[in-house]
Amino acid sequence: MDRRKFLNSMSAATAATIAGAATLSEKADALEDAMSAGLAKKRRMKPPGLCNVDGGPEVIPGDTRPWLQHDEPLLPKMPEKPTLIDFFKLRFEPADHILQSAKLAMDNGEDEKVILACLLHDICAFRLINTDHGYWCAQLLEPYVEEEIRWAIEKHQALRFFEDLSVGYEYPEAYINYFGKDYKIEPYLEKEHREAKNHKWYMTSRKITINDLYSFEEGVEVDVDEFTDIIGRGFKQPKDGLGFDSSRSAHMWRSFIWPNNFL
């Protein structure tokens, strides 16, 4: 998706949401979320997320129940022991951006760790959490991927704001177009960048940003099944199913399964 064209065509509500974000990092998260939703709209598919503006359950016409709890009638039912691919197909869909990102990494000849990191780097942003999404995604994935992948996903949150011309990564033009040239990066991100730059896994995280930058392409559809083998080798699928394995992040996966649980 052409970012300049997108910025010129965004709705007033979307622009207000981005402009109202408190920090540059939050603005960038909101912008990327809006662009991903734009791809979904072009494919005529409603993204997940069925709560109303007050945070309570959305009222369904003709539904006399006072609250929605557990299975959401407007979403596909998840298997008893859901796998990562089940989440891609039944909760993350349409996941054009991260699928395109992973495919770009694959086409660029990156190793499987980078491809898997690209495939997973934004999954918590699917109506679960947007602000500081790199950190939240890292926490969501920590029990199931190698530490290098977790670290790389966490640090891409900061690295996307800092160019590295030695590998051809420039500060995203979209950020300049929308936020202006004079925005100051938050100190915590500057600190993260300095530390990450000298880390042994720096390039793994940097490659997420390289393959992330140009992954909003209209008309490019990628099937998650293309990555079945890579997921099988790099993602530790719990036998009880994601959300039911008592890991530190199981509750986050359950939030995808039952997004409108009131309690």
Protein backbone atom coordinates (compact mmCIF):
# COMPACT_ATOMS: atom_id res chain seq x y z
CA MET A 1 0.00 0.00 0.00
CA ASP A 2 1.36 3.42 -0.94
CA ARG A 3 1.77 5.21 2.39
CA ARG A 4 1.49 8.72 0.95
CA LYS A 5 -1.73 7.79 -0.86
CA PHE A 6 -3.02 6.17 2.33
CA LEU A 7 -2.27 9.24 4.43
CA ASN A 8 -4.12 11.43 1.96
CA SER A 9 -7.16 9.14 1.90
CA MET A 10 -7.53 8.21 5.57
CA SER A 11 -10.79 9.10 7.28
CA ALA A 12 -11.03 12.00 9.70
CA ALA A 13 -11.64 9.53 12.53
CA THR A 14 -8.50 7.56 11.70
CA ALA A 15 -6.44 10.73 11.40
CA ALA A 16 -7.79 11.95 14.74
CA THR A 17 -6.88 8.63 16.39
CA ILE A 18 -3.31 8.83 15.15
CA ALA A 19 -2.96 12.52 15.92
CA GLY A 20 -4.32 11.95 19.44
CA ALA A 21 -1.69 9.35 20.32
CA ALA A 22 0.55 10.62 23.08
CA THR A 23 3.97 9.64 21.75
CA LEU A 24 5.64 9.12 18.40
CA SER A 25 5.84 5.38 19.07
CA GLU A 26 2.10 5.23 19.74
CA LYS A 27 1.41 7.25 16.59
CA ALA A 28 3.48 4.82 14.53
CA ASP A 29 1.65 1.86 16.04
CA ALA A 30 -1.71 3.48 15.27
CA LEU A 31 -0.63 4.25 11.70
CA GLU A 32 0.48 0.69 10.98
CA ASP A 33 -2.68 -0.69 12.56
CA ALA A 34 -4.80 1.60 10.35
CA MET A 35 -2.90 0.50 7.25
CA SER A 36 -3.41 -3.18 8.11
CA ALA A 37 -7.12 -2.52 8.65
CA GLY A 38 -7.15 -0.74 5.29
CA LEU A 39 -5.94 -3.91 3.60
CA ALA A 40 -8.71 -5.84 5.34
CA LYS A 41 -11.31 -3.32 4.16
CA LYS A 42 -10.09 -3.58 0.58
CA ARG A 43 -10.60 -7.34 0.80
CA ARG A 44 -14.13 -6.70 2.14
CA MET A 45 -13.46 -8.54 5.36
CA LYS A 46 -14.30 -7.27 8.82
CA PRO A 47 -11.32 -7.49 11.16
CA PRO A 48 -11.82 -9.03 14.60
CA GLY A 49 -12.68 -6.83 17.52
CA LEU A 50 -16.30 -6.71 18.52
CA CYS A 51 -16.35 -4.50 21.60
CA ASN A 52 -18.15 -1.18 21.56
CA VAL A 53 -16.49 2.16 22.24
CA ASP A 54 -17.12 1.85 25.97
CA GLY A 55 -15.20 -1.40 26.14
CA GLY A 56 -18.30 -3.52 26.82
CA PRO A 57 -19.77 -6.20 24.58
CA GLU A 58 -21.27 -5.10 21.29
CA VAL A 59 -25.04 -5.53 21.28
CA ILE A 60 -26.19 -7.97 18.60
CA PRO A 61 -29.67 -7.23 17.16
CA GLY A 62 -32.17 -9.79 18.40
CA ASP A 63 -29.81 -11.18 21.01
CA THR A 64 -31.49 -11.07 24.41
CA ARG A 65 -28.47 -12.16 26.46
CA PRO A 66 -27.28 -9.42 28.80
CA TRP A 67 -23.58 -10.19 28.18
CA LEU A 68 -21.43 -12.15 25.79
CA GLN A 69 -19.29 -14.76 27.47
CA HIS A 70 -16.92 -17.30 25.96
CA ASP A 71 -17.77 -18.23 22.35
CA GLU A 72 -18.56 -15.17 20.25
CA PRO A 73 -21.33 -15.93 17.71
CA LEU A 74 -19.84 -13.53 15.16
CA LEU A 75 -16.45 -15.27 15.18
CA PRO A 76 -15.52 -18.80 14.06
CA LYS A 77 -15.33 -21.32 16.90
CA MET A 78 -11.78 -22.24 17.83
CA PRO A 79 -10.67 -25.88 18.19
CA GLU A 80 -10.41 -27.35 21.67
CA LYS A 81 -6.61 -27.31 21.44
CA PRO A 82 -5.82 -24.44 19.06
CA THR A 83 -2.55 -24.23 17.19
CA LEU A 84 -0.74 -21.15 15.94
CA ILE A 85 -2.08 -21.78 12.43
CA ASP A 86 -5.61 -21.97 13.86
CA PHE A 87 -5.11 -18.47 15.25
CA PHE A 88 -3.89 -17.21 11.90
CA LYS A 89 -6.93 -18.64 10.11
CA LEU A 90 -9.63 -17.99 12.69
CA ARG A 91 -8.49 -14.91 14.64
CA PHE A 92 -5.67 -13.09 12.84
CA GLU A 93 -7.27 -13.23 9.38
CA PRO A 94 -6.79 -11.12 7.36
CA ALA A 95 -3.13 -11.05 8.33
CA ASP A 96 -1.88 -9.64 5.02
CA HIS A 97 0.86 -7.47 6.49
CA ILE A 98 2.74 -10.07 8.51
CA LEU A 99 2.23 -12.78 5.87
CA GLN A 100 3.65 -10.43 3.24
CA SER A 101 6.51 -9.56 5.57
CA ALA A 102 7.40 -13.22 6.10
CA LYS A 103 7.13 -13.97 2.37
CA LEU A 104 9.39 -11.01 1.58
CA ALA A 105 11.95 -12.33 4.07
CA MET A 106 11.70 -15.77 2.46
CA ASP A 107 12.12 -14.34 -1.04
CA ASN A 108 15.14 -12.35 0.20
CA GLY A 109 16.80 -15.58 1.29
CA GLU A 110 16.67 -14.92 5.03
CA ASP A 111 17.11 -17.81 7.44
CA GLU A 112 14.18 -19.42 9.18
CA LYS A 113 14.59 -17.46 12.40
CA VAL A 114 14.15 -14.19 10.55
CA ILE A 115 11.22 -15.50 8.51
CA LEU A 116 9.46 -16.72 11.66
CA ALA A 117 10.18 -13.44 13.45
CA CYS A 118 8.67 -11.50 10.52
CA LEU A 119 5.63 -13.78 10.55
CA LEU A 120 5.03 -13.17 14.26
CA HIS A 121 6.28 -9.63 14.89
CA ASP A 122 2.87 -7.90 14.89
CA ILE A 123 0.44 -10.60 16.01
CA CYS A 124 -0.56 -8.92 19.27
CA ALA A 125 -1.74 -5.91 17.27
CA PHE A 126 -4.76 -7.86 15.98
CA ARG A 127 -7.18 -5.94 18.22
CA LEU A 128 -5.41 -7.12 21.36
CA ILE A 129 -2.84 -4.37 22.02
CA ASN A 130 -1.22 -1.72 19.84
CA THR A 131 0.92 0.56 22.01
CA ASP A 132 4.46 -0.81 22.41
CA HIS A 133 3.38 -3.81 20.37
CA GLY A 134 6.91 -5.13 20.01
CA TYR A 135 7.19 -5.68 23.74
CA TRP A 136 3.71 -7.19 24.02
CA CYS A 137 4.33 -9.55 21.08
CA ALA A 138 7.60 -10.66 22.65
CA GLN A 139 5.81 -11.44 25.91
CA LEU A 140 3.03 -13.28 24.07
CA LEU A 141 5.56 -15.46 22.26
CA GLU A 142 8.21 -15.94 24.94
CA PRO A 143 7.25 -19.50 25.98
CA TYR A 144 7.10 -20.77 22.40
CA VAL A 145 10.07 -19.43 20.42
CA GLU A 146 13.83 -19.25 20.79
CA GLU A 147 15.13 -16.35 22.85
CA GLU A 148 16.75 -14.83 19.76
CA ILE A 149 13.36 -14.54 18.03
CA ARG A 150 11.69 -13.15 21.13
CA TRP A 151 14.46 -10.59 21.56
CA ALA A 152 14.38 -9.57 17.91
CA ILE A 153 10.62 -8.99 17.96
CA GLU A 154 10.87 -6.91 21.13
CA LYS A 155 13.69 -4.73 19.80
CA HIS A 156 12.13 -4.07 16.39
CA GLN A 157 9.82 -1.71 18.29
CA ALA A 158 12.75 0.68 18.71
CA LEU A 159 14.86 -0.16 15.67
CA ARG A 160 12.19 0.85 13.16
CA PHE A 161 12.76 4.50 14.17
CA PHE A 162 16.51 4.45 13.51
CA GLU A 163 18.13 4.16 10.10
CA ASP A 164 20.99 1.81 9.34
CA LEU A 165 22.28 2.75 5.92
CA SER A 166 24.89 -0.01 6.04
CA VAL A 167 22.07 -2.48 5.34
CA GLY A 168 19.88 -0.13 3.33
CA TYR A 169 17.36 0.72 6.04
CA GLU A 170 16.17 4.33 6.05
CA TYR A 171 13.83 6.06 8.45
CA PRO A 172 10.36 5.29 7.01
CA GLU A 173 9.12 8.03 4.69
CA ALA A 174 5.60 7.48 6.04
CA TYR A 175 6.74 8.58 9.49
CA ILE A 176 8.21 11.77 8.02
CA ASN A 177 5.08 12.46 5.96
CA TYR A 178 2.74 12.13 8.88
CA PHE A 179 4.68 12.96 12.04
CA GLY A 180 6.95 15.60 10.54
CA LYS A 181 10.73 15.91 10.46
CA ASP A 182 11.08 17.47 13.89
CA TYR A 183 9.59 14.70 16.04
CA LYS A 184 11.85 13.53 18.81
CA ILE A 185 12.13 9.84 19.54
CA GLU A 186 11.23 8.91 23.11
CA PRO A 187 14.30 8.46 25.36
CA TYR A 188 13.42 4.85 26.20
CA LEU A 189 13.53 3.97 22.49
CA GLU A 190 16.86 5.75 22.04
CA LYS A 191 18.24 3.72 24.93
CA GLU A 192 16.83 0.50 23.48
CA HIS A 193 18.41 1.30 20.12
CA ARG A 194 21.83 1.97 21.60
CA GLU A 195 21.77 -1.29 23.52
CA ALA A 196 20.39 -3.33 20.64
CA LYS A 197 22.95 -1.92 18.20
CA ASN A 198 25.74 -3.62 20.12
CA HIS A 199 23.91 -6.89 20.74
CA LYS A 200 24.87 -10.15 19.06
CA TRP A 201 21.32 -10.52 17.71
CA TYR A 202 21.05 -6.99 16.38
CA MET A 203 20.86 -8.03 12.74
CA THR A 204 18.04 -10.50 13.40
CA SER A 205 15.92 -7.67 14.72
CA ARG A 206 17.09 -5.24 12.06
CA LYS A 207 16.00 -7.67 9.35
CA ILE A 208 12.46 -7.54 10.75
CA THR A 209 12.42 -3.80 10.02
CA ILE A 210 13.94 -4.31 6.58
CA ASN A 211 11.27 -6.81 5.58
CA ASP A 212 8.57 -4.90 7.44
CA LEU A 213 8.92 -1.58 5.64
CA TYR A 214 7.57 -2.57 2.24
CA SER A 215 5.02 -5.17 3.31
CA PHE A 216 1.76 -3.27 2.77
CA GLU A 217 1.11 -4.34 -0.81
CA GLU A 218 -2.39 -4.35 -2.26
CA GLY A 219 -3.39 -7.42 -4.23
CA VAL A 220 -0.63 -9.60 -2.74
CA GLU A 221 -2.14 -12.55 -0.89
CA VAL A 222 -0.02 -15.05 1.02
CA ASP A 223 -1.35 -18.22 2.68
CA VAL A 224 -0.06 -19.08 6.16
CA ASP A 225 0.19 -22.71 5.02
CA GLU A 226 3.32 -21.70 3.09
CA PHE A 227 5.03 -21.44 6.47
CA THR A 228 3.78 -24.70 8.01
CA ASP A 229 7.20 -26.35 8.06
CA ILE A 230 8.95 -23.25 9.43
CA ILE A 231 6.33 -22.95 12.17
CA GLY A 232 6.69 -26.64 12.95
CA ARG A 233 10.45 -26.32 13.39
CA GLY A 234 10.53 -22.98 15.17
CA PHE A 235 7.35 -22.67 17.24
CA LYS A 236 6.84 -24.85 20.33
CA GLN A 237 3.18 -25.78 20.03
CA PRO A 238 1.82 -26.76 23.49
CA LYS A 239 0.01 -30.10 23.57
CA ASP A 240 -2.89 -28.59 25.52
CA GLY A 241 -3.35 -25.84 22.94
CA LEU A 242 -2.42 -22.17 23.00
CA GLY A 243 -4.32 -20.51 25.82
CA PHE A 244 -4.68 -23.66 27.92
CA ASP A 245 -1.10 -24.65 28.75
CA SER A 246 -0.67 -22.55 31.92
CA SER A 247 2.19 -20.55 30.42
CA ARG A 248 2.86 -16.96 31.49
CA SER A 249 1.13 -15.71 28.36
CA ALA A 250 -1.75 -18.20 28.11
CA HIS A 251 -4.23 -15.52 29.17
CA MET A 252 -3.23 -13.41 26.17
CA TRP A 253 -4.06 -16.22 23.76
CA ARG A 254 -7.41 -16.75 25.52
CA SER A 255 -8.14 -13.08 24.90
CA PHE A 256 -7.94 -13.82 21.18
CA ILE A 257 -10.20 -16.84 21.55
CA TRP A 258 -12.85 -15.03 23.61
CA PRO A 259 -12.33 -11.32 22.81
CA ASN A 260 -15.63 -10.21 24.32
CA ASN A 261 -15.58 -12.05 27.61
CA PHE A 262 -17.01 -9.50 30.00
CA LEU A 263 -15.44 -11.08 33.10
